[in-house]
């Protein structure tokens, strides 16, 4: 629920993403990033996902219309422009990615930092915005996500563990390199 709310609030509230706009999602195969791709597609955006080569088809299946392979397609040299750049992986700074934004565009990250706070006035001077997401649990957002999932929005699930193997689930999450979420199945019993 937290990852879904993070993706929704980052794109809709902070990014003000609307149908037809272009969005770049960095970390598109991770827990928050994969949900951001799916949410952006539900909002009607044109989604470009940044992920590892092995996750490209997964990210495309979630709703990305194009893929940039991490390490092979350097963002610093890209000519495309986006209305929203969502750095779900908190891998880059506004200074590195601000050039990718249309005038009026927004860079959103999951990690507040001193660098981001100092970039905010520079972004405004350039006619853009830089922001971080401070997620809030809201019933209406959870209901919206549930409606989309019920309507067929695809979710990326890396792995599922019964509750008795919660230690293994935590170890998998700590390992990194996930493609989607690690699920703990509490209905499966102890």
Protein backbone atom coordinates (compact mmCIF):
# COMPACT_ATOMS: atom_id res chain seq x y z
CA UNK A 1 0.00 0.00 0.00
CA UNK A 2 2.81 2.43 0.84
CA UNK A 3 4.60 1.88 -2.47
CA UNK A 4 1.36 2.41 -4.41
CA UNK A 5 0.54 5.60 -2.51
CA UNK A 6 4.10 6.82 -3.04
CA UNK A 7 3.85 6.30 -6.80
CA UNK A 8 0.38 7.85 -7.05
CA UNK A 9 1.14 10.89 -4.91
CA UNK A 10 4.53 11.46 -6.56
CA UNK A 11 3.05 11.48 -10.05
CA UNK A 12 -0.42 12.95 -9.54
CA UNK A 13 0.14 15.34 -6.64
CA UNK A 14 3.79 16.39 -6.86
CA UNK A 15 4.27 15.91 -10.59
CA UNK A 16 0.75 16.98 -11.60
CA UNK A 17 0.93 14.36 -14.33
CA UNK A 18 -2.03 14.31 -16.71
CA UNK A 19 -3.12 12.25 -19.70
CA UNK A 20 -0.92 12.67 -22.76
CA UNK A 21 2.10 13.98 -20.87
CA UNK A 22 5.51 12.29 -20.97
CA UNK A 23 7.01 10.82 -17.80
CA UNK A 24 10.40 9.27 -17.14
CA UNK A 25 10.47 6.71 -14.30
CA UNK A 26 13.92 5.85 -12.98
CA UNK A 27 14.05 2.55 -11.12
CA UNK A 28 11.10 1.32 -13.16
CA UNK A 29 11.45 -2.33 -12.15
CA UNK A 30 11.74 -1.74 -8.40
CA UNK A 31 8.99 -1.77 -5.80
CA UNK A 32 7.92 1.89 -6.10
CA UNK A 33 9.12 2.33 -9.68
CA UNK A 34 7.14 -0.58 -11.09
CA UNK A 35 4.00 0.79 -9.47
CA UNK A 36 4.85 4.26 -10.83
CA UNK A 37 4.96 2.85 -14.37
CA UNK A 38 1.56 1.21 -13.89
CA UNK A 39 0.04 4.30 -12.23
CA UNK A 40 1.39 6.62 -14.94
CA UNK A 41 -0.14 4.36 -17.59
CA UNK A 42 -3.48 4.46 -15.72
CA UNK A 43 -3.25 8.28 -15.72
CA UNK A 44 -2.86 8.16 -19.51
CA UNK A 45 0.76 9.29 -19.66
CA UNK A 46 3.42 8.27 -22.15
CA UNK A 47 5.83 6.30 -19.95
CA UNK A 48 9.55 5.80 -20.43
CA UNK A 49 11.10 3.44 -17.91
CA UNK A 50 14.74 3.23 -16.87
CA UNK A 51 15.72 -0.27 -15.72
CA UNK A 52 18.21 -3.06 -16.22
CA UNK A 53 18.14 -4.95 -19.50
CA UNK A 54 16.76 -8.10 -17.85
CA UNK A 55 13.70 -6.18 -16.60
CA UNK A 56 12.84 -4.40 -19.85
CA UNK A 57 9.97 -6.69 -20.86
CA UNK A 58 8.48 -6.59 -17.36
CA UNK A 59 8.52 -2.78 -17.37
CA UNK A 60 7.01 -2.70 -20.85
CA UNK A 61 4.24 -5.06 -19.68
CA UNK A 62 3.41 -2.65 -16.83
CA UNK A 63 2.72 0.16 -19.30
CA UNK A 64 6.00 1.70 -20.45
CA UNK A 65 5.99 2.59 -24.13
CA UNK A 66 9.76 2.90 -24.22
CA UNK A 67 12.70 1.64 -22.19
CA UNK A 68 16.10 3.11 -21.43
CA UNK A 69 18.53 0.47 -20.25
CA UNK A 70 20.41 1.54 -17.13
CA UNK A 71 24.12 1.83 -17.94
CA UNK A 72 23.60 1.62 -21.70
CA UNK A 73 21.49 4.72 -22.34
CA UNK A 74 23.13 7.60 -20.41
CA UNK A 75 20.50 10.08 -19.25
CA UNK A 76 22.95 12.99 -19.47
CA UNK A 77 22.99 12.70 -23.28
CA UNK A 78 19.26 12.27 -23.90
CA UNK A 79 17.49 14.75 -26.17
CA UNK A 80 13.92 13.83 -25.14
CA UNK A 81 12.00 16.10 -22.80
CA UNK A 82 9.55 14.99 -20.12
CA UNK A 83 6.81 16.72 -18.17
CA UNK A 84 7.71 14.68 -15.10
CA UNK A 85 10.91 12.89 -14.14
CA UNK A 86 10.24 10.56 -11.20
CA UNK A 87 13.42 9.20 -9.67
CA UNK A 88 11.89 6.35 -7.69
CA UNK A 89 15.35 4.92 -7.07
CA UNK A 90 16.74 8.25 -5.76
CA UNK A 91 19.71 7.59 -8.05
CA UNK A 92 20.15 11.06 -9.58
CA UNK A 93 19.94 14.70 -8.63
CA UNK A 94 17.91 17.52 -10.15
CA UNK A 95 21.23 18.94 -11.37
CA UNK A 96 21.84 15.77 -13.39
CA UNK A 97 18.32 15.49 -14.81
CA UNK A 98 16.82 19.00 -14.91
CA UNK A 99 17.77 19.35 -18.58
CA UNK A 100 15.36 16.50 -19.40
CA UNK A 101 12.34 18.55 -18.31
CA UNK A 102 10.00 20.56 -20.50
CA UNK A 103 9.48 24.15 -19.34
CA UNK A 104 7.15 23.85 -16.36
CA UNK A 105 8.27 20.25 -15.81
CA UNK A 106 8.82 18.62 -12.45
CA UNK A 107 11.62 16.45 -11.05
CA UNK A 108 10.32 14.31 -8.16
CA UNK A 109 12.46 12.07 -5.98
CA UNK A 110 11.81 9.74 -3.07
CA UNK A 111 14.76 11.07 -1.08
CA UNK A 112 14.82 14.56 0.41
CA UNK A 113 18.34 15.95 0.61
CA UNK A 114 20.19 19.18 1.13
CA UNK A 115 21.13 19.08 -2.56
CA UNK A 116 17.46 18.91 -3.54
CA UNK A 117 16.52 21.76 -1.21
CA UNK A 118 19.22 23.97 -2.73
CA UNK A 119 18.13 22.93 -6.24
CA UNK A 120 14.52 24.03 -5.69
CA UNK A 121 15.18 27.78 -6.23
CA UNK A 122 17.39 27.03 -9.26
CA UNK A 123 14.61 24.92 -10.74
CA UNK A 124 12.09 27.75 -10.27
CA UNK A 125 14.45 30.21 -11.97
CA UNK A 126 14.58 27.82 -14.92
CA UNK A 127 10.77 27.62 -15.03
CA UNK A 128 10.75 24.08 -13.61
CA UNK A 129 10.18 22.45 -10.22
CA UNK A 130 12.09 20.02 -8.02
CA UNK A 131 10.27 18.17 -5.25
CA UNK A 132 10.36 15.12 -3.03
CA UNK A 133 7.47 12.92 -2.05
CA UNK A 134 6.39 12.72 1.57
CA UNK A 135 3.79 9.98 1.27
CA UNK A 136 0.61 10.01 3.32
CA UNK A 137 -1.76 7.09 3.75
CA UNK A 138 -5.10 8.24 2.35
CA UNK A 139 -8.20 6.13 2.05
CA UNK A 140 -9.18 7.71 -1.29
CA UNK A 141 -5.77 6.86 -2.77
CA UNK A 142 -5.96 3.26 -1.56
CA UNK A 143 -9.46 2.98 -3.04
CA UNK A 144 -8.21 4.42 -6.35
CA UNK A 145 -5.36 1.91 -6.47
CA UNK A 146 -7.74 -0.95 -5.60
CA UNK A 147 -10.09 0.14 -8.40
CA UNK A 148 -7.24 0.14 -10.92
CA UNK A 149 -5.98 -3.26 -9.75
CA UNK A 150 -9.53 -4.62 -9.92
CA UNK A 151 -9.75 -3.24 -13.44
CA UNK A 152 -6.64 -5.09 -14.56
CA UNK A 153 -3.70 -2.85 -13.66
CA UNK A 154 -0.72 -5.19 -13.66
CA UNK A 155 1.52 -5.41 -10.61
CA UNK A 156 5.11 -6.62 -10.57
CA UNK A 157 5.69 -9.26 -7.90
CA UNK A 158 9.29 -10.33 -7.40
CA UNK A 159 8.55 -13.18 -5.01
CA UNK A 160 6.02 -14.44 -2.48
CA UNK A 161 6.77 -16.02 0.91
CA UNK A 162 4.46 -17.58 3.48
CA UNK A 163 4.41 -15.67 6.77
CA UNK A 164 6.45 -18.42 8.46
CA UNK A 165 9.32 -17.50 6.09
CA UNK A 166 9.27 -13.77 6.80
CA UNK A 167 13.03 -13.92 7.45
CA UNK A 168 13.62 -15.13 3.90
CA UNK A 169 11.36 -12.36 2.57
CA UNK A 170 13.34 -9.73 4.47
CA UNK A 171 16.61 -11.20 3.21
CA UNK A 172 15.30 -11.09 -0.38
CA UNK A 173 14.28 -7.46 0.00
CA UNK A 174 17.65 -6.55 1.52
CA UNK A 175 19.46 -8.32 -1.30
CA UNK A 176 18.31 -5.70 -3.83
CA UNK A 177 17.86 -6.14 -7.55
CA UNK A 178 14.17 -6.92 -7.12
CA UNK A 179 11.68 -6.75 -9.95
CA UNK A 180 8.61 -5.48 -8.17
CA UNK A 181 7.48 -6.22 -4.63
CA UNK A 182 8.32 -9.00 -2.19
CA UNK A 183 5.01 -10.33 -0.84
CA UNK A 184 4.38 -12.00 2.51
CA UNK A 185 1.32 -14.24 2.28
CA UNK A 186 -0.40 -14.07 5.67
CA UNK A 187 -3.37 -16.14 4.45
CA UNK A 188 -1.07 -19.11 3.87
CA UNK A 189 -0.69 -19.67 7.59
CA UNK A 190 2.22 -20.12 9.89
